[in-house]
PDB file of N, CA and C in Angstrom:
ATOM      1  N   MET A   1       0.806  -1.188  -0.015  1.00  0.00           N
ATOM      2  CA  MET A   1       0.009   0.021   0.012  1.00  0.00           C
ATOM      3  C   MET A   1       0.816   1.209  -0.020  1.00  0.00           C
ATOM      4  N   SER A   2       2.007   1.183   0.744  1.00  0.00           N
ATOM      5  CA  SER A   2       2.700   2.387   0.850  1.00  0.00           C
ATOM      6  C   SER A   2       3.542   2.748  -0.572  1.00  0.00           C
ATOM      7  N   VAL A   3       3.812   1.641  -1.343  1.00  0.00           N
ATOM      8  CA  VAL A   3       4.396   1.835  -2.583  1.00  0.00           C
ATOM      9  C   VAL A   3       3.488   2.502  -3.515  1.00  0.00           C
ATOM     10  N   LEU A   4       2.135   2.184  -3.535  1.00  0.00           N
ATOM     11  CA  LEU A   4       1.144   2.696  -4.435  1.00  0.00           C
ATOM     12  C   LEU A   4       0.960   4.180  -4.002  1.00  0.00           C
ATOM     13  N   LYS A   5       1.005   4.423  -2.626  1.00  0.00           N
ATOM     14  CA  LYS A   5       0.828   5.838  -2.207  1.00  0.00           C
ATOM     15  C   LYS A   5       2.040   6.696  -2.629  1.00  0.00           C
ATOM     16  N   ASN A   6       3.232   6.168  -2.535  1.00  0.00           N
ATOM     17  CA  ASN A   6       4.435   6.931  -3.044  1.00  0.00           C
ATOM     18  C   ASN A   6       4.328   7.188  -4.537  1.00  0.00           C
ATOM     19  N   ILE A   7       3.799   6.229  -5.347  1.00  0.00           N
ATOM     20  CA  ILE A   7       3.745   6.414  -6.745  1.00  0.00           C
ATOM     21  C   ILE A   7       2.729   7.450  -7.091  1.00  0.00           C
ATOM     22  N   CYS A   8       1.638   7.407  -6.342  1.00  0.00           N
ATOM     23  CA  CYS A   8       0.582   8.442  -6.412  1.00  0.00           C
ATOM     24  C   CYS A   8       1.076   9.843  -6.223  1.00  0.00           C
ATOM     25  N   LEU A   9       1.817   9.861  -5.097  1.00  0.00           N
ATOM     26  CA  LEU A   9       2.394  11.248  -4.685  1.00  0.00           C
ATOM     27  C   LEU A   9       3.359  11.691  -5.747  1.00  0.00           C
ATOM     28  N   LEU A  10       4.218  10.784  -6.258  1.00  0.00           N
ATOM     29  CA  LEU A  10       5.149  11.254  -7.214  1.00  0.00           C
ATOM     30  C   LEU A  10       4.543  11.681  -8.507  1.00  0.00           C
ATOM     31  N   THR A  11       3.480  10.986  -9.038  1.00  0.00           N
ATOM     32  CA  THR A  11       2.721  11.337 -10.175  1.00  0.00           C
ATOM     33  C   THR A  11       1.968  12.656  -9.973  1.00  0.00           C
ATOM     34  N   GLY A  12       1.421  12.823  -8.833  1.00  0.00           N
ATOM     35  CA  GLY A  12       0.677  14.099  -8.524  1.00  0.00           C
ATOM     36  C   GLY A  12       1.645  15.334  -8.509  1.00  0.00           C
ATOM     37  N   GLY A  13       2.816  15.056  -7.876  1.00  0.00           N
ATOM     38  CA  GLY A  13       3.832  16.121  -7.842  1.00  0.00           C
ATOM     39  C   GLY A  13       4.365  16.506  -9.189  1.00  0.00           C
ATOM     40  N   PHE A  14       4.478  15.489 -10.030  1.00  0.00           N
ATOM     41  CA  PHE A  14       4.925  15.790 -11.434  1.00  0.00           C
ATOM     42  C   PHE A  14       3.869  16.593 -12.214  1.00  0.00           C
ATOM     43  N   LEU A  15       2.540  16.186 -11.947  1.00  0.00           N
ATOM     44  CA  LEU A  15       1.496  16.890 -12.746  1.00  0.00           C
ATOM     45  C   LEU A  15       1.352  18.299 -12.207  1.00  0.00           C
ATOM     46  N   ILE A  16       1.390  18.506 -10.964  1.00  0.00           N
ATOM     47  CA  ILE A  16       1.364  19.850 -10.324  1.00  0.00           C
ATOM     48  C   ILE A  16       2.562  20.672 -10.866  1.00  0.00           C
ATOM     49  N   GLY A  17       3.807  20.066 -10.858  1.00  0.00           N
ATOM     50  CA  GLY A  17       4.923  20.734 -11.364  1.00  0.00           C
ATOM     51  C   GLY A  17       4.799  21.170 -12.820  1.00  0.00           C
ATOM     52  N   THR A  18       4.264  20.290 -13.629  1.00  0.00           N
ATOM     53  CA  THR A  18       4.109  20.560 -14.954  1.00  0.00           C
ATOM     54  C   THR A  18       3.120  21.661 -15.267  1.00  0.00           C
ATOM     55  N   ALA A  19       1.950  21.619 -14.498  1.00  0.00           N
ATOM     56  CA  ALA A  19       0.989  22.722 -14.606  1.00  0.00           C
ATOM     57  C   ALA A  19       1.506  24.004 -14.080  1.00  0.00           C
ATOM     58  N   GLY A  20       2.395  24.007 -13.086  1.00  0.00           N
ATOM     59  CA  GLY A  20       2.986  25.130 -12.529  1.00  0.00           C
ATOM     60  C   GLY A  20       3.906  25.891 -13.603  1.00  0.00           C
ATOM     61  N   VAL A  21       4.673  24.972 -14.328  1.00  0.00           N
ATOM     62  CA  VAL A  21       5.604  25.491 -15.360  1.00  0.00           C
ATOM     63  C   VAL A  21       4.767  26.173 -16.417  1.00  0.00           C
ATOM     64  N   LYS A  22       3.655  25.492 -16.908  1.00  0.00           N
ATOM     65  CA  LYS A  22       2.829  26.062 -17.915  1.00  0.00           C
ATOM     66  C   LYS A  22       2.156  27.434 -17.452  1.00  0.00           C
ATOM     67  N   ILE A  23       1.723  27.449 -16.189  1.00  0.00           N
ATOM     68  CA  ILE A  23       1.109  28.736 -15.741  1.00  0.00           C
ATOM     69  C   ILE A  23       2.183  29.878 -15.634  1.00  0.00           C
ATOM     70  N   LEU A  24       3.364  29.468 -15.088  1.00  0.00           N
ATOM     71  CA  LEU A  24       4.392  30.544 -14.976  1.00  0.00           C
ATOM     72  C   LEU A  24       4.906  31.012 -16.330  1.00  0.00           C
ATOM     73  N   GLY A  25       4.862  30.208 -17.348  1.00  0.00           N
ATOM     74  CA  GLY A  25       5.347  30.627 -18.653  1.00  0.00           C
ATOM     75  C   GLY A  25       4.330  31.140 -19.608  1.00  0.00           C
ATOM     76  N   SER A  26       3.083  31.372 -19.117  1.00  0.00           N
ATOM     77  CA  SER A  26       1.938  31.726 -19.965  1.00  0.00           C
ATOM     78  C   SER A  26       2.082  33.323 -20.271  1.00  0.00           C
ATOM     79  N   LYS A  27       1.331  33.741 -21.247  1.00  0.00           N
ATOM     80  CA  LYS A  27       1.428  35.227 -21.701  1.00  0.00           C
ATOM     81  C   LYS A  27       0.854  36.140 -20.574  1.00  0.00           C
ATOM     82  N   ASP A  28      -0.099  35.657 -19.879  1.00  0.00           N
ATOM     83  CA  ASP A  28      -0.660  36.457 -18.765  1.00  0.00           C
ATOM     84  C   ASP A  28       0.354  36.580 -17.640  1.00  0.00           C
ATOM     85  N   ALA A  29       1.063  35.521 -17.411  1.00  0.00           N
ATOM     86  CA  ALA A  29       2.152  35.591 -16.323  1.00  0.00           C
ATOM     87  C   ALA A  29       3.319  36.467 -16.806  1.00  0.00           C
ATOM     88  N   ARG A  30       3.617  36.518 -18.020  1.00  0.00           N
ATOM     89  CA  ARG A  30       4.674  37.418 -18.590  1.00  0.00           C
ATOM     90  C   ARG A  30       4.181  38.826 -18.396  1.00  0.00           C
ATOM     91  N   LYS A  31       2.934  39.133 -18.649  1.00  0.00           N
ATOM     92  CA  LYS A  31       2.475  40.477 -18.455  1.00  0.00           C
ATOM     93  C   LYS A  31       2.592  40.937 -17.106  1.00  0.00           C
ATOM     94  N   VAL A  32       2.283  40.098 -16.087  1.00  0.00           N
ATOM     95  CA  VAL A  32       2.356  40.322 -14.723  1.00  0.00           C
ATOM     96  C   VAL A  32       3.913  40.593 -14.308  1.00  0.00           C
ATOM     97  N   TYR A  33       4.771  39.755 -14.843  1.00  0.00           N
ATOM     98  CA  TYR A  33       6.205  39.942 -14.600  1.00  0.00           C
ATOM     99  C   TYR A  33       6.693  41.278 -15.145  1.00  0.00           C
ATOM    100  N   ALA A  34       6.323  41.666 -16.425  1.00  0.00           N
ATOM    101  CA  ALA A  34       6.622  42.936 -16.980  1.00  0.00           C
ATOM    102  C   ALA A  34       6.142  44.099 -16.177  1.00  0.00           C
ATOM    103  N   HIS A  35       4.900  44.015 -15.710  1.00  0.00           N
ATOM    104  CA  HIS A  35       4.387  45.109 -14.893  1.00  0.00           C
ATOM    105  C   HIS A  35       5.037  45.223 -13.490  1.00  0.00           C
ATOM    106  N   THR A  36       5.378  44.153 -12.998  1.00  0.00           N
ATOM    107  CA  THR A  36       6.038  44.152 -11.730  1.00  0.00           C
ATOM    108  C   THR A  36       7.492  44.712 -11.886  1.00  0.00           C
ATOM    109  N   ALA A  37       8.227  44.360 -12.960  1.00  0.00           N
ATOM    110  CA  ALA A  37       9.565  44.832 -13.207  1.00  0.00           C
ATOM    111  C   ALA A  37       9.470  46.301 -13.520  1.00  0.00           C
ATOM    112  N   ALA A  38       8.480  46.734 -14.182  1.00  0.00           N
ATOM    113  CA  ALA A  38       8.337  48.191 -14.442  1.00  0.00           C
ATOM    114  C   ALA A  38       8.080  48.952 -13.119  1.00  0.00           C
ATOM    115  N   ALA A  39       7.295  48.421 -12.257  1.00  0.00           N
ATOM    116  CA  ALA A  39       6.992  49.093 -10.951  1.00  0.00           C
ATOM    117  C   ALA A  39       8.329  49.091 -10.186  1.00  0.00           C
ATOM    118  N   VAL A  40       9.169  48.039 -10.244  1.00  0.00           N
ATOM    119  CA  VAL A  40      10.400  48.068  -9.380  1.00  0.00           C
ATOM    120  C   VAL A  40      11.322  49.090  -9.967  1.00  0.00           C
ATOM    121  N   LEU A  41      11.410  49.254 -11.373  1.00  0.00           N
ATOM    122  CA  LEU A  41      12.267  50.197 -11.918  1.00  0.00           C
ATOM    123  C   LEU A  41      11.833  51.678 -11.652  1.00  0.00           C
ATOM    124  N   ARG A  42      10.517  51.907 -11.522  1.00  0.00           N
ATOM    125  CA  ARG A  42      10.005  53.238 -11.202  1.00  0.00           C
ATOM    126  C   ARG A  42      10.361  53.525  -9.748  1.00  0.00           C
ATOM    127  N   ALA A  43      10.222  52.464  -8.831  1.00  0.00           N
ATOM    128  CA  ALA A  43      10.550  52.727  -7.439  1.00  0.00           C
ATOM    129  C   ALA A  43      12.109  53.036  -7.328  1.00  0.00           C
ATOM    130  N   LYS A  44      12.886  52.267  -8.093  1.00  0.00           N
ATOM    131  CA  LYS A  44      14.322  52.465  -8.062  1.00  0.00           C
ATOM    132  C   LYS A  44      14.720  53.880  -8.422  1.00  0.00           C
ATOM    133  N   ASP A  45      14.056  54.356  -9.500  1.00  0.00           N
ATOM    134  CA  ASP A  45      14.355  55.780  -9.936  1.00  0.00           C
ATOM    135  C   ASP A  45      13.972  56.738  -8.849  1.00  0.00           C
ATOM    136  N   CYS A  46      12.770  56.466  -8.137  1.00  0.00           N
ATOM    137  CA  CYS A  46      12.328  57.427  -7.108  1.00  0.00           C
ATOM    138  C   CYS A  46      13.387  57.378  -5.981  1.00  0.00           C
ATOM    139  N   VAL A  47      13.819  56.194  -5.608  1.00  0.00           N
ATOM    140  CA  VAL A  47      14.772  56.082  -4.526  1.00  0.00           C
ATOM    141  C   VAL A  47      16.045  56.754  -4.779  1.00  0.00           C
ATOM    142  N   MET A  48      16.552  56.579  -6.034  1.00  0.00           N
ATOM    143  CA  MET A  48      17.778  57.148  -6.431  1.00  0.00           C
ATOM    144  C   MET A  48      17.720  58.660  -6.454  1.00  0.00           C
ATOM    145  N   THR A  49      16.604  59.202  -6.940  1.00  0.00           N
ATOM    146  CA  THR A  49      16.322  60.661  -6.911  1.00  0.00           C
ATOM    147  C   THR A  49      16.474  61.218  -5.411  1.00  0.00           C
ATOM    148  N   LYS A  50      15.776  60.559  -4.502  1.00  0.00           N
ATOM    149  CA  LYS A  50      15.819  60.909  -3.115  1.00  0.00           C
ATOM    150  C   LYS A  50      17.279  60.791  -2.573  1.00  0.00           C
ATOM    151  N   ALA A  51      17.962  59.706  -2.924  1.00  0.00           N
ATOM    152  CA  ALA A  51      19.334  59.615  -2.533  1.00  0.00           C
ATOM    153  C   ALA A  51      20.177  60.700  -3.002  1.00  0.00           C
ATOM    154  N   ASP A  52      20.053  61.113  -4.235  1.00  0.00           N
ATOM    155  CA  ASP A  52      20.823  62.295  -4.704  1.00  0.00           C
ATOM    156  C   ASP A  52      20.519  63.486  -4.068  1.00  0.00           C
ATOM    157  N   GLU A  53      19.262  63.722  -3.681  1.00  0.00           N
ATOM    158  CA  GLU A  53      18.874  64.938  -3.005  1.00  0.00           C
ATOM    159  C   GLU A  53      19.516  64.958  -1.575  1.00  0.00           C
ATOM    160  N   ILE A  54      19.500  63.800  -0.972  1.00  0.00           N
ATOM    161  CA  ILE A  54      20.146  63.672   0.404  1.00  0.00           C
ATOM    162  C   ILE A  54      21.653  63.889   0.269  1.00  0.00           C
ATOM    163  N   ARG A  55      22.190  63.335  -0.734  1.00  0.00           N
ATOM    164  CA  ARG A  55      23.688  63.474  -0.952  1.00  0.00           C
ATOM    165  C   ARG A  55      24.115  64.911  -1.177  1.00  0.00           C
ATOM    166  N   GLU A  56      23.359  65.661  -1.895  1.00  0.00           N
ATOM    167  CA  GLU A  56      23.518  67.085  -2.107  1.00  0.00           C
ATOM    168  C   GLU A  56      23.412  67.879  -0.886  1.00  0.00           C
ATOM    169  N   GLY A  57      22.345  67.550  -0.024  1.00  0.00           N
ATOM    170  CA  GLY A  57      22.170  68.138   1.213  1.00  0.00           C
ATOM    171  C   GLY A  57      23.361  67.959   2.146  1.00  0.00           C
ATOM    172  N   CYS A  58      23.930  66.816   2.232  1.00  0.00           N
ATOM    173  CA  CYS A  58      25.005  66.434   3.044  1.00  0.00           C
ATOM    174  C   CYS A  58      26.289  67.127   2.562  1.00  0.00           C
ATOM    175  N   GLY A  59      26.430  67.313   1.212  1.00  0.00           N
ATOM    176  CA  GLY A  59      27.582  68.064   0.764  1.00  0.00           C
ATOM    177  C   GLY A  59      27.453  69.520   1.154  1.00  0.00           C
ATOM    178  N   ASP A  60      26.234  70.029   1.052  1.00  0.00           N
ATOM    179  CA  ASP A  60      26.127  71.485   1.536  1.00  0.00           C
ATOM    180  C   ASP A  60      26.445  71.650   3.027  1.00  0.00           C
ATOM    181  N   ILE A  61      26.015  70.702   3.791  1.00  0.00           N
ATOM    182  CA  ILE A  61      26.253  70.759   5.273  1.00  0.00           C
ATOM    183  C   ILE A  61      27.693  70.621   5.541  1.00  0.00           C
ATOM    184  N   LEU A  62      28.377  69.736   4.868  1.00  0.00           N
ATOM    185  CA  LEU A  62      29.848  69.600   4.981  1.00  0.00           C
ATOM    186  C   LEU A  62      30.590  70.832   4.649  1.00  0.00           C
ATOM    187  N   ALA A  63      30.193  71.504   3.514  1.00  0.00           N
ATOM    188  CA  ALA A  63      30.853  72.739   3.091  1.00  0.00           C
ATOM    189  C   ALA A  63      30.631  73.805   4.170  1.00  0.00           C
ATOM    190  N   GLU A  64      29.436  73.897   4.658  1.00  0.00           N
ATOM    191  CA  GLU A  64      29.124  74.906   5.708  1.00  0.00           C
ATOM    192  C   GLU A  64      29.987  74.620   6.916  1.00  0.00           C
ATOM    193  N   ALA A  65      30.201  73.336   7.381  1.00  0.00           N
ATOM    194  CA  ALA A  65      30.983  73.034   8.527  1.00  0.00           C
ATOM    195  C   ALA A  65      32.392  73.444   8.303  1.00  0.00           C
ATOM    196  N   ARG A  66      32.903  73.207   7.170  1.00  0.00           N
ATOM    197  CA  ARG A  66      34.301  73.509   6.846  1.00  0.00           C
ATOM    198  C   ARG A  66      34.428  75.074   6.898  1.00  0.00           C
ATOM    199  N   ASP A  67      33.516  75.765   6.299  1.00  0.00           N
ATOM    200  CA  ASP A  67      33.635  77.215   6.390  1.00  0.00           C
ATOM    201  C   ASP A  67      33.543  77.697   7.814  1.00  0.00           C
ATOM    202  N   ILE A  68      32.748  77.233   8.669  1.00  0.00           N
ATOM    203  CA  ILE A  68      32.662  77.516  10.035  1.00  0.00           C
ATOM    204  C   ILE A  68      33.996  77.281  10.754  1.00  0.00           C
ATOM    205  N   ASN A  69      34.494  76.037  10.536  1.00  0.00           N
ATOM    206  CA  ASN A  69      35.832  75.705  11.131  1.00  0.00           C
ATOM    207  C   ASN A  69      36.952  76.731  10.620  1.00  0.00           C
ATOM    208  N   GLU A  70      36.977  77.008   9.444  1.00  0.00           N
ATOM    209  CA  GLU A  70      37.886  77.964   8.910  1.00  0.00           C
ATOM    210  C   GLU A  70      37.873  79.361   9.588  1.00  0.00           C
ATOM    211  N   LYS A  71      36.531  79.807   9.765  1.00  0.00           N
ATOM    212  CA  LYS A  71      36.278  81.073  10.380  1.00  0.00           C
ATOM    213  C   LYS A  71      36.779  81.015  11.825  1.00  0.00           C
ATOM    214  N   LYS A  72      36.475  79.931  12.548  1.00  0.00           N
ATOM    215  CA  LYS A  72      36.760  79.854  13.975  1.00  0.00           C
ATOM    216  C   LYS A  72      38.342  79.732  14.136  1.00  0.00           C
ATOM    217  N   ALA A  73      38.968  79.031  13.197  1.00  0.00           N
ATOM    218  CA  ALA A  73      40.455  78.936  13.269  1.00  0.00           C
ATOM    219  C   ALA A  73      41.036  80.288  13.000  1.00  0.00           C
ATOM    220  N   ALA A  74      40.483  81.125  12.145  1.00  0.00           N
ATOM    221  CA  ALA A  74      41.032  82.382  11.881  1.00  0.00           C
ATOM    222  C   ALA A  74      40.876  83.432  13.037  1.00  0.00           C
ATOM    223  N   GLU A  75      39.734  83.188  13.638  1.00  0.00           N
ATOM    224  CA  GLU A  75      39.512  84.087  14.746  1.00  0.00           C
ATOM    225  C   GLU A  75      40.042  83.676  16.072  1.00  0.00           C
ATOM    226  N   CYS A  76      40.472  82.327  16.192  1.00  0.00           N
ATOM    227  CA  CYS A  76      40.943  81.785  17.389  1.00  0.00           C
ATOM    228  C   CYS A  76      42.325  82.304  17.779  1.00  0.00           C
ATOM    229  N   GLU A  77      42.542  82.900  18.918  1.00  0.00           N
ATOM    230  CA  GLU A  77      43.903  83.253  19.377  1.00  0.00           C
ATOM    231  C   GLU A  77      44.650  82.099  20.043  1.00  0.00           C
ATOM    232  N   CYS A  78      43.879  81.089  20.408  1.00  0.00           N
ATOM    233  CA  CYS A  78      44.468  80.013  21.190  1.00  0.00           C
ATOM    234  C   CYS A  78      44.981  78.957  20.254  1.00  0.00           C
ATOM    235  N   CYS A  79      44.978  79.140  18.928  1.00  0.00           N
ATOM    236  CA  CYS A  79      45.528  78.155  18.019  1.00  0.00           C
ATOM    237  C   CYS A  79      46.997  78.214  18.137  1.00  0.00           C
ATOM    238  N   GLU A  80      47.605  77.038  18.107  1.00  0.00           N
ATOM    239  CA  GLU A  80      49.076  77.041  18.082  1.00  0.00           C
ATOM    240  C   GLU A  80      49.615  75.918  17.229  1.00  0.00           C
ATOM    241  N   THR A  81      50.882  76.020  16.816  1.00  0.00           N
ATOM    242  CA  THR A  81      51.462  75.080  15.975  1.00  0.00           C
ATOM    243  C   THR A  81      52.260  74.092  16.830  1.00  0.00           C
ATOM    244  N   ILE A  82      52.036  72.873  16.610  1.00  0.00           N
ATOM    245  CA  ILE A  82      52.701  71.747  17.337  1.00  0.00           C
ATOM    246  C   ILE A  82      53.380  70.864  16.347  1.00  0.00           C
ATOM    247  N   GLU A  83      54.702  70.527  16.659  1.00  0.00           N
ATOM    248  CA  GLU A  83      55.422  69.629  15.676  1.00  0.00           C
ATOM    249  C   GLU A  83      55.218  68.255  16.208  1.00  0.00           C
ATOM    250  N   ASP A  84      54.864  67.352  15.345  1.00  0.00           N
ATOM    251  CA  ASP A  84      54.752  66.008  15.726  1.00  0.00           C
ATOM    252  C   ASP A  84      56.041  65.215  15.653  1.00  0.00           C
ATOM    253  N   ALA A  85      56.120  63.988  15.863  1.00  0.00           N
ATOM    254  CA  ALA A  85      57.288  63.229  15.865  1.00  0.00           C
ATOM    255  C   ALA A  85      58.075  63.232  14.520  1.00  0.00           C
ATOM    256  N   SER A  86      57.261  63.381  13.441  1.00  0.00           N
ATOM    257  CA  SER A  86      57.969  63.302  12.103  1.00  0.00           C
ATOM    258  C   SER A  86      58.602  64.683  11.797  1.00  0.00           C
ATOM    259  N   GLY A  87      58.405  65.698  12.615  1.00  0.00           N
ATOM    260  CA  GLY A  87      59.029  67.020  12.372  1.00  0.00           C
ATOM    261  C   GLY A  87      58.172  67.985  11.525  1.00  0.00           C
ATOM    262  N   THR A  88      56.921  67.503  11.161  1.00  0.00           N
ATOM    263  CA  THR A  88      56.073  68.325  10.367  1.00  0.00           C
ATOM    264  C   THR A  88      55.193  69.140  11.309  1.00  0.00           C
ATOM    265  N   ALA A  89      54.885  70.415  10.924  1.00  0.00           N
ATOM    266  CA  ALA A  89      54.057  71.226  11.799  1.00  0.00           C
ATOM    267  C   ALA A  89      52.642  70.855  11.631  1.00  0.00           C
ATOM    268  N   GLU A  90      51.906  70.928  12.717  1.00  0.00           N
ATOM    269  CA  GLU A  90      50.432  70.534  12.638  1.00  0.00           C
ATOM    270  C   GLU A  90      49.693  71.637  13.474  1.00  0.00           C
ATOM    271  N   GLU A  91      48.740  72.122  12.827  1.00  0.00           N
ATOM    272  CA  GLU A  91      47.944  73.213  13.545  1.00  0.00           C
ATOM    273  C   GLU A  91      46.801  72.609  14.394  1.00  0.00           C
ATOM    274  N   THR A  92      46.644  72.984  15.548  1.00  0.00           N
ATOM    275  CA  THR A  92      45.606  72.361  16.392  1.00  0.00           C
ATOM    276  C   THR A  92      44.884  73.560  17.147  1.00  0.00           C
ATOM    277  N   THR A  93      43.715  73.330  17.576  1.00  0.00           N
ATOM    278  CA  THR A  93      42.922  74.279  18.424  1.00  0.00           C
ATOM    279  C   THR A  93      42.885  73.860  19.833  1.00  0.00           C
ATOM    280  N   GLY A  94      42.830  74.773  20.788  1.00  0.00           N
ATOM    281  CA  GLY A  94      42.797  74.468  22.166  1.00  0.00           C
ATOM    282  C   GLY A  94      41.489  74.019  22.651  1.00  0.00           C
ATOM    283  N   GLU A  95      40.490  73.829  21.851  1.00  0.00           N
ATOM    284  CA  GLU A  95      39.236  73.479  22.213  1.00  0.00           C
ATOM    285  C   GLU A  95      39.075  72.056  22.345  1.00  0.00           C
TER     286      GLU A  95
END
């Protein structure tokens, strides 16, 4: 009895697998795949646009921070030059 059951299960699995391949390869399924891929590409474009906007904003913030540090360094009387072990001068702030 168990041999017959195993044969039936194998045959059923084969039929379901064959039907699944036919369904996944049909024209209607291809249309679904195309629409899904198009939606993914649109979402990717939207995400990349936002990422570029964020990157530009970060670049502006970084440029402002560098300007602020340059102004503070120019105004700071407590800035001093220290030589490191290699003999090159390095400017540091006392803050």
